[in-house]
Structures are given as structure tokens and as C-alpha cells.
Amino acid sequence: GSSLWSYHSGVRIPPPQPHLSDKIHKPMLTPDQIQLAFPILLSIQFLHSIEELCTGFHRKWYLCRMPFWVFLFFEVLFLSFWTYIWLSPDLAYRIQLMLIFNCLMLANSIQHLVWACVQKKYVPGLVTVPLFIAIFIWAYF
């Protein structure tokens, strides 16, 4: 069989390794990864919003309580904005905005997990959290 090792004057020489600068300049996330994860995470966010609306998130959130209509208005505005981003392929900074959303979904998932651990019980939105985390890991790792 062939070997990546080469021999020079009887000395075994390992194959060349990528230079550190090659690793530094290689992007960690590609636009394809970002665009692949975005619509899946956005779809999960629609489910997540329904879960929160149906389980009283507006009454139970630890940062503030709010009337249902305020939370509903926020959810509609939030989902409309991100849907617009998804449906606007020529939008400037679209990939960067998608990445921000993807990271927000991971941060929100972690926030829900911590909240549930502190409460030691179900908190509104917790059921959809594993979906966010699974898709984030699948898309980026």
C-alpha cells in the first residue's frame, strides 16, 4: 500500500501539515451552513412561539410580565421580520442577519434550559428547545 510518509536517506519524513495560517483564514462557518440552518430554525421558532403563546409565557417570564396582546404583537413582528429576511435573497447583509438569528435561537434555547433548571419544572417554550439545539449542532458541527 502507499504511504503518505516519505523516506530520505533512510529517515522517515512525515507528510507536510497545513500551515497555521491556512487554518486561521479558513472561515469557521460558510454561507451555505448559515442558509441551510436558517429556514429550519425559523420553522422551529414558529412552533416555539405557538408553544409560548399557548402556555402563558407572557405571564411567567422572569424578566417581566406583559399582557397577552403585547406578547402576541411582539411574536408577529419578530416572525414577520425574520421571514422577510428569508424571503429576500438580494437583501444586503442577509447572511449576517441569518447568522445573528441562528445564534439568537441557540442563546434563547440555553436561556430556556437555565430557566427550567432554576425553576426545576417545565417553563413555557421548553418543549421546542431540543429541536433548536439539535439543528444548531447538526448545521455547525
Protein backbone atom coordinates (compact mmCIF):
# COMPACT_ATOMS: atom_id res chain seq x y z
CA GLY A 1 0.00 0.00 0.00
CA SER A 2 1.03 3.57 -0.48
CA SER A 3 2.04 5.71 2.40
CA LEU A 4 1.86 9.42 2.98
CA TRP A 5 5.23 9.14 4.67
CA SER A 6 8.31 9.71 2.53
CA TYR A 7 11.82 8.44 3.06
CA HIS A 8 15.02 10.41 2.57
CA SER A 9 18.35 8.72 3.22
CA GLY A 10 16.58 6.08 5.30
CA VAL A 11 14.88 8.71 7.51
CA ARG A 12 11.12 8.59 7.69
CA ILE A 13 9.68 12.08 6.97
CA PRO A 14 6.03 12.80 7.84
CA PRO A 15 3.77 14.40 5.24
CA PRO A 16 3.57 18.19 5.32
CA GLN A 17 0.97 19.58 7.70
CA PRO A 18 -1.28 22.52 6.85
CA HIS A 19 0.27 25.79 7.87
CA LEU A 20 -1.35 27.52 10.86
CA SER A 21 -2.23 30.49 8.65
CA ASP A 22 -4.35 28.14 6.46
CA LYS A 23 -6.48 27.35 9.50
CA ILE A 24 -6.73 30.99 10.57
CA HIS A 25 -8.01 32.20 7.19
CA LYS A 26 -10.47 29.37 6.64
CA PRO A 27 -13.98 30.56 7.60
CA MET A 28 -15.49 28.67 10.50
CA LEU A 29 -19.00 29.00 9.13
CA THR A 30 -19.87 29.03 5.48
CA PRO A 31 -22.81 30.92 3.97
CA ASP A 32 -24.23 27.54 2.91
CA GLN A 33 -24.28 26.32 6.52
CA ILE A 34 -25.96 29.52 7.66
CA GLN A 35 -28.57 29.45 4.88
CA LEU A 36 -29.27 25.76 5.46
CA ALA A 37 -29.93 26.17 9.18
CA PHE A 38 -31.90 29.42 8.96
CA PRO A 39 -35.24 28.23 7.50
CA ILE A 40 -35.22 25.15 9.72
CA LEU A 41 -34.61 27.24 12.84
CA LEU A 42 -37.20 29.77 11.67
CA SER A 43 -39.75 26.98 11.30
CA ILE A 44 -38.95 25.76 14.80
CA GLN A 45 -39.32 29.34 16.04
CA PHE A 46 -42.88 29.39 14.67
CA LEU A 47 -43.61 26.26 16.73
CA HIS A 48 -41.77 27.74 19.72
CA SER A 49 -43.88 30.91 19.54
CA ILE A 50 -47.08 28.87 19.44
CA GLU A 51 -45.88 26.86 22.43
CA GLU A 52 -45.12 30.04 24.39
CA LEU A 53 -48.41 31.69 23.42
CA CYS A 54 -50.38 28.60 24.46
CA THR A 55 -48.58 28.05 27.77
CA GLY A 56 -48.67 31.55 29.22
CA PHE A 57 -45.12 32.74 28.63
CA HIS A 58 -46.36 36.34 28.88
CA ARG A 59 -47.42 35.71 32.50
CA LYS A 60 -44.42 33.64 33.61
CA TRP A 61 -41.26 35.12 32.09
CA TYR A 62 -38.74 36.01 34.77
CA LEU A 63 -37.74 39.37 33.23
CA CYS A 64 -41.23 40.87 33.04
CA ARG A 65 -44.92 40.07 32.83
CA MET A 66 -46.93 41.54 29.97
CA PRO A 67 -50.44 41.46 28.58
CA PHE A 68 -51.08 38.66 26.09
CA TRP A 69 -51.66 41.12 23.22
CA VAL A 70 -48.22 42.70 23.78
CA PHE A 71 -46.51 39.33 23.58
CA LEU A 72 -48.59 38.31 20.57
CA PHE A 73 -47.71 41.59 18.83
CA PHE A 74 -44.01 41.02 19.54
CA GLU A 75 -44.16 37.45 18.20
CA VAL A 76 -45.92 38.52 15.00
CA LEU A 77 -43.43 41.36 14.45
CA PHE A 78 -40.43 39.14 15.26
CA LEU A 79 -41.52 36.31 12.98
CA SER A 80 -42.50 38.72 10.20
CA PHE A 81 -39.09 40.40 10.27
CA TRP A 82 -37.16 37.12 10.06
CA THR A 83 -39.49 35.73 7.41
CA TYR A 84 -38.82 38.87 5.35
CA ILE A 85 -35.06 38.23 5.71
CA TRP A 86 -35.55 34.65 4.50
CA LEU A 87 -37.68 35.69 1.52
CA SER A 88 -35.32 38.50 0.42
CA PRO A 89 -32.32 36.85 -1.27
CA ASP A 90 -30.88 40.16 -2.55
CA LEU A 91 -31.01 41.90 0.82
CA ALA A 92 -27.72 43.45 1.93
CA TYR A 93 -26.19 41.67 4.93
CA ARG A 94 -28.73 38.84 4.62
CA ILE A 95 -26.21 36.12 5.55
CA GLN A 96 -25.00 38.11 8.56
CA LEU A 97 -28.59 38.67 9.71
CA MET A 98 -29.33 34.97 9.29
CA LEU A 99 -26.28 34.14 11.40
CA ILE A 100 -27.47 36.56 14.09
CA PHE A 101 -30.87 34.85 14.13
CA ASN A 102 -29.30 31.39 14.29
CA CYS A 103 -27.15 32.44 17.24
CA LEU A 104 -30.15 34.10 18.93
CA MET A 105 -32.01 30.82 18.70
CA LEU A 106 -29.15 28.99 20.39
CA ALA A 107 -28.88 31.65 23.11
CA ASN A 108 -32.65 31.59 23.66
CA SER A 109 -32.54 27.80 23.94
CA ILE A 110 -29.81 27.96 26.57
CA GLN A 111 -31.79 30.64 28.41
CA HIS A 112 -34.86 28.36 28.47
CA LEU A 113 -32.78 25.43 29.77
CA VAL A 114 -31.27 27.54 32.56
CA TRP A 115 -34.70 28.94 33.45
CA ALA A 116 -36.16 25.42 33.62
CA CYS A 117 -33.25 24.22 35.78
CA VAL A 118 -33.69 27.12 38.19
CA GLN A 119 -37.47 26.51 38.37
CA LYS A 120 -36.97 22.72 38.46
CA LYS A 121 -40.04 22.36 36.24
CA TYR A 122 -41.43 22.99 32.78
CA VAL A 123 -41.27 26.59 31.61
CA PRO A 124 -43.12 27.92 28.55
CA GLY A 125 -41.13 27.18 25.40
CA LEU A 126 -39.09 24.31 26.82
CA VAL A 127 -40.53 21.56 24.61
CA THR A 128 -39.12 23.04 21.39
CA VAL A 129 -35.67 23.80 22.85
CA PRO A 130 -34.11 20.40 21.99
CA LEU A 131 -35.06 20.93 18.34
CA PHE A 132 -33.15 24.23 18.21
CA ILE A 133 -30.07 22.72 19.82
CA ALA A 134 -30.13 19.61 17.62
CA ILE A 135 -30.38 21.64 14.40
CA PHE A 136 -27.68 24.06 15.53
CA ILE A 137 -25.28 21.20 16.30
CA TRP A 138 -26.19 19.39 13.05
CA ALA A 139 -25.65 22.51 10.91
CA TYR A 140 -22.47 23.86 12.50
CA PHE A 141 -20.59 20.87 13.84
